[in-house]
């Protein structure tokens, strides 16, 4: 099985896994390391979602707000003509 380590779903699951494991550790000092790692994964997942949202809004704006334009924009690149 292949896992994309930069995908927000993957990062969120890794954050959940670290949080769950931290709750199983009785030593709070040791558990804190897993909570800290979980926080890193959650922050990276949130950043990835924001990047996806910005990309979507960019594509939507250029493809829908300018319907009169003759070019199709996808992922910040002109990929074809509407003609």
N, C-alpha and C. Protein backbone atom coordinates (compact mmCIF):
# COMPACT_ATOMS: atom_id res chain seq x y z
N UNK A 1 0.84 -1.17 0.00
CA UNK A 1 0.00 0.00 0.00
C UNK A 1 0.89 1.24 0.00
N UNK A 2 0.57 2.19 -0.85
CA UNK A 2 1.31 3.44 -0.91
C UNK A 2 0.54 4.54 -0.19
N UNK A 3 1.27 5.36 0.55
CA UNK A 3 0.67 6.46 1.29
C UNK A 3 1.34 7.75 0.83
N UNK A 4 0.52 8.73 0.48
CA UNK A 4 1.05 10.04 0.11
C UNK A 4 1.23 10.85 1.39
N UNK A 5 2.49 11.07 1.83
CA UNK A 5 2.71 11.73 3.12
C UNK A 5 2.40 13.22 3.13
N UNK A 6 2.10 13.80 1.97
CA UNK A 6 1.78 15.23 1.95
C UNK A 6 0.29 15.51 1.80
N UNK A 7 -0.51 14.48 1.64
CA UNK A 7 -1.95 14.66 1.48
C UNK A 7 -2.57 14.97 2.84
N UNK A 8 -3.52 15.91 2.86
CA UNK A 8 -4.08 16.34 4.14
C UNK A 8 -4.77 15.20 4.90
N UNK A 9 -5.41 14.28 4.17
CA UNK A 9 -6.06 13.14 4.84
C UNK A 9 -5.04 12.28 5.58
N UNK A 10 -3.91 12.04 4.92
CA UNK A 10 -2.85 11.24 5.54
C UNK A 10 -2.29 11.94 6.77
N UNK A 11 -2.02 13.22 6.63
CA UNK A 11 -1.48 13.98 7.76
C UNK A 11 -2.44 13.98 8.94
N UNK A 12 -3.73 14.12 8.65
CA UNK A 12 -4.73 14.13 9.73
C UNK A 12 -4.77 12.78 10.44
N UNK A 13 -4.71 11.70 9.68
CA UNK A 13 -4.72 10.35 10.28
C UNK A 13 -3.47 10.13 11.14
N UNK A 14 -2.32 10.61 10.67
CA UNK A 14 -1.10 10.48 11.47
C UNK A 14 -1.21 11.28 12.77
N UNK A 15 -1.84 12.45 12.69
CA UNK A 15 -2.07 13.23 13.90
C UNK A 15 -2.97 12.48 14.87
N UNK A 16 -4.03 11.89 14.36
CA UNK A 16 -4.94 11.10 15.20
C UNK A 16 -4.23 9.91 15.83
N UNK A 17 -3.39 9.24 15.04
CA UNK A 17 -2.66 8.07 15.55
C UNK A 17 -1.72 8.47 16.69
N UNK A 18 -1.00 9.57 16.52
CA UNK A 18 -0.09 10.03 17.57
C UNK A 18 -0.86 10.45 18.82
N UNK A 19 -2.00 11.10 18.64
CA UNK A 19 -2.82 11.49 19.79
C UNK A 19 -3.33 10.26 20.54
N UNK A 20 -3.84 9.29 19.80
CA UNK A 20 -4.36 8.07 20.43
C UNK A 20 -3.27 7.34 21.19
N UNK A 21 -2.07 7.25 20.58
CA UNK A 21 -0.98 6.56 21.24
C UNK A 21 -0.54 7.30 22.50
N UNK A 22 -0.54 8.63 22.43
CA UNK A 22 -0.12 9.43 23.60
C UNK A 22 -1.03 9.17 24.80
N UNK A 23 -2.32 8.97 24.55
CA UNK A 23 -3.25 8.71 25.65
C UNK A 23 -2.99 7.36 26.32
N UNK A 24 -2.29 6.46 25.65
CA UNK A 24 -1.98 5.15 26.22
C UNK A 24 -0.72 5.16 27.08
N UNK A 25 0.04 6.23 27.03
CA UNK A 25 1.30 6.31 27.76
C UNK A 25 1.07 6.98 29.12
N UNK A 26 1.38 6.26 30.22
CA UNK A 26 1.13 6.82 31.55
C UNK A 26 2.08 7.96 31.92
N UNK A 27 3.28 7.97 31.36
CA UNK A 27 4.27 9.01 31.69
C UNK A 27 3.98 10.25 30.84
N UNK A 28 3.60 11.33 31.51
CA UNK A 28 3.18 12.54 30.78
C UNK A 28 4.33 13.15 29.98
N UNK A 29 5.55 13.03 30.46
CA UNK A 29 6.69 13.58 29.74
C UNK A 29 6.90 12.85 28.42
N UNK A 30 6.77 11.55 28.44
CA UNK A 30 6.91 10.76 27.22
C UNK A 30 5.71 10.99 26.29
N UNK A 31 4.53 11.08 26.86
CA UNK A 31 3.32 11.29 26.06
C UNK A 31 3.34 12.66 25.36
N UNK A 32 3.94 13.66 26.03
CA UNK A 32 3.99 15.00 25.45
C UNK A 32 4.67 15.00 24.08
N UNK A 33 5.67 14.17 23.90
CA UNK A 33 6.35 14.08 22.60
C UNK A 33 5.40 13.65 21.49
N UNK A 34 4.51 12.72 21.81
CA UNK A 34 3.53 12.25 20.82
C UNK A 34 2.44 13.30 20.57
N UNK A 35 2.05 14.03 21.62
CA UNK A 35 1.09 15.12 21.42
C UNK A 35 1.70 16.22 20.56
N UNK A 36 2.98 16.52 20.80
CA UNK A 36 3.67 17.54 19.99
C UNK A 36 3.75 17.11 18.53
N UNK A 37 4.06 15.84 18.30
CA UNK A 37 4.14 15.33 16.92
C UNK A 37 2.75 15.37 16.27
N UNK A 38 1.72 15.04 17.03
CA UNK A 38 0.35 15.10 16.50
C UNK A 38 0.01 16.53 16.10
N UNK A 39 0.40 17.49 16.92
CA UNK A 39 0.14 18.90 16.61
C UNK A 39 0.81 19.29 15.29
N UNK A 40 2.04 18.83 15.08
CA UNK A 40 2.73 19.11 13.81
C UNK A 40 1.95 18.57 12.62
N UNK A 41 1.48 17.33 12.74
CA UNK A 41 0.71 16.73 11.65
C UNK A 41 -0.60 17.48 11.40
N UNK A 42 -1.29 17.88 12.47
CA UNK A 42 -2.54 18.62 12.32
C UNK A 42 -2.30 19.97 11.66
N UNK A 43 -1.21 20.65 12.04
CA UNK A 43 -0.88 21.94 11.44
C UNK A 43 -0.56 21.79 9.95
N UNK A 44 0.21 20.76 9.61
CA UNK A 44 0.54 20.51 8.19
C UNK A 44 -0.72 20.19 7.39
N UNK A 45 -1.63 19.42 7.99
CA UNK A 45 -2.89 19.09 7.31
C UNK A 45 -3.70 20.35 7.06
N UNK A 46 -3.76 21.23 8.05
CA UNK A 46 -4.52 22.47 7.90
C UNK A 46 -3.90 23.35 6.81
N UNK A 47 -2.58 23.41 6.75
CA UNK A 47 -1.90 24.19 5.71
C UNK A 47 -2.21 23.62 4.33
N UNK A 48 -2.21 22.30 4.22
CA UNK A 48 -2.50 21.65 2.94
C UNK A 48 -3.93 21.95 2.49
N UNK A 49 -4.88 21.92 3.42
CA UNK A 49 -6.27 22.23 3.09
C UNK A 49 -6.39 23.67 2.61
N UNK A 50 -5.67 24.59 3.27
CA UNK A 50 -5.71 25.99 2.84
C UNK A 50 -5.14 26.15 1.44
N UNK A 51 -4.07 25.42 1.11
CA UNK A 51 -3.50 25.48 -0.24
C UNK A 51 -4.50 24.95 -1.27
N UNK A 52 -5.18 23.86 -0.93
CA UNK A 52 -6.19 23.32 -1.84
C UNK A 52 -7.33 24.30 -2.04
N UNK A 53 -7.76 24.93 -0.96
CA UNK A 53 -8.84 25.90 -1.05
C UNK A 53 -8.44 27.10 -1.91
N UNK A 54 -7.23 27.59 -1.72
CA UNK A 54 -6.76 28.73 -2.53
C UNK A 54 -6.68 28.34 -4.00
N UNK A 55 -6.19 27.15 -4.30
CA UNK A 55 -6.12 26.69 -5.69
C UNK A 55 -7.51 26.59 -6.29
N UNK A 56 -8.45 26.04 -5.53
CA UNK A 56 -9.82 25.91 -6.02
C UNK A 56 -10.42 27.29 -6.31
N UNK A 57 -10.24 28.22 -5.38
CA UNK A 57 -10.79 29.56 -5.57
C UNK A 57 -10.17 30.26 -6.78
N UNK A 58 -8.88 30.07 -6.98
CA UNK A 58 -8.21 30.66 -8.13
C UNK A 58 -8.80 30.11 -9.43
N UNK A 59 -8.92 28.79 -9.51
CA UNK A 59 -9.47 28.16 -10.72
C UNK A 59 -10.92 28.58 -10.92
N UNK A 60 -11.70 28.60 -9.85
CA UNK A 60 -13.10 29.00 -9.96
C UNK A 60 -13.21 30.43 -10.47
N UNK A 61 -12.43 31.32 -9.89
CA UNK A 61 -12.49 32.73 -10.26
C UNK A 61 -12.16 32.92 -11.75
N UNK A 62 -11.10 32.27 -12.19
CA UNK A 62 -10.70 32.46 -13.59
C UNK A 62 -11.58 31.72 -14.58
N UNK A 63 -12.17 30.62 -14.17
CA UNK A 63 -13.02 29.86 -15.11
C UNK A 63 -14.47 30.31 -15.08
N UNK A 64 -14.92 30.92 -14.01
CA UNK A 64 -16.33 31.30 -13.89
C UNK A 64 -16.56 32.81 -13.90
N UNK A 65 -15.69 33.55 -13.27
CA UNK A 65 -15.87 34.99 -13.23
C UNK A 65 -15.61 35.62 -14.59
N UNK A 66 -14.75 35.01 -15.35
CA UNK A 66 -14.43 35.50 -16.69
C UNK A 66 -14.91 34.53 -17.75
N UNK A 67 -16.20 34.26 -17.77
CA UNK A 67 -16.76 33.31 -18.74
C UNK A 67 -16.55 33.77 -20.17
N UNK A 68 -16.35 35.05 -20.36
CA UNK A 68 -16.16 35.55 -21.72
C UNK A 68 -14.76 35.26 -22.24
N UNK A 69 -13.86 34.87 -21.35
CA UNK A 69 -12.51 34.58 -21.81
C UNK A 69 -12.48 33.31 -22.63
N UNK A 70 -11.57 33.20 -23.53
CA UNK A 70 -11.53 32.04 -24.42
C UNK A 70 -10.57 30.96 -23.94
N UNK A 71 -9.88 31.19 -22.81
CA UNK A 71 -8.93 30.20 -22.33
C UNK A 71 -9.44 29.51 -21.06
N UNK A 72 -9.09 28.25 -20.91
CA UNK A 72 -9.47 27.47 -19.73
C UNK A 72 -8.25 27.39 -18.82
N UNK A 73 -8.42 27.79 -17.57
CA UNK A 73 -7.33 27.79 -16.62
C UNK A 73 -7.55 26.67 -15.60
N UNK A 74 -6.55 25.82 -15.41
CA UNK A 74 -6.60 24.74 -14.42
C UNK A 74 -5.27 24.73 -13.69
N UNK A 75 -5.32 24.72 -12.37
CA UNK A 75 -4.11 24.72 -11.53
C UNK A 75 -3.13 25.80 -11.96
N UNK A 76 -3.63 27.00 -12.14
CA UNK A 76 -2.84 28.19 -12.45
C UNK A 76 -2.19 28.16 -13.82
N UNK A 77 -2.57 27.25 -14.68
CA UNK A 77 -2.01 27.19 -16.03
C UNK A 77 -3.11 27.20 -17.05
N UNK A 78 -2.86 27.85 -18.18
CA UNK A 78 -3.80 27.84 -19.29
C UNK A 78 -3.65 26.49 -19.98
N UNK A 79 -4.74 25.71 -20.02
CA UNK A 79 -4.67 24.36 -20.57
C UNK A 79 -5.41 24.21 -21.90
N UNK A 80 -6.15 25.18 -22.30
CA UNK A 80 -6.84 25.03 -23.56
C UNK A 80 -7.72 26.21 -23.87
N UNK A 81 -8.36 26.13 -24.99
CA UNK A 81 -9.24 27.19 -25.45
C UNK A 81 -10.68 26.76 -25.29
N UNK A 82 -11.56 27.69 -25.02
CA UNK A 82 -12.97 27.40 -24.89
C UNK A 82 -13.65 27.33 -26.26
N UNK A 83 -12.94 27.63 -27.29
CA UNK A 83 -13.52 27.64 -28.63
C UNK A 83 -13.88 26.26 -29.12
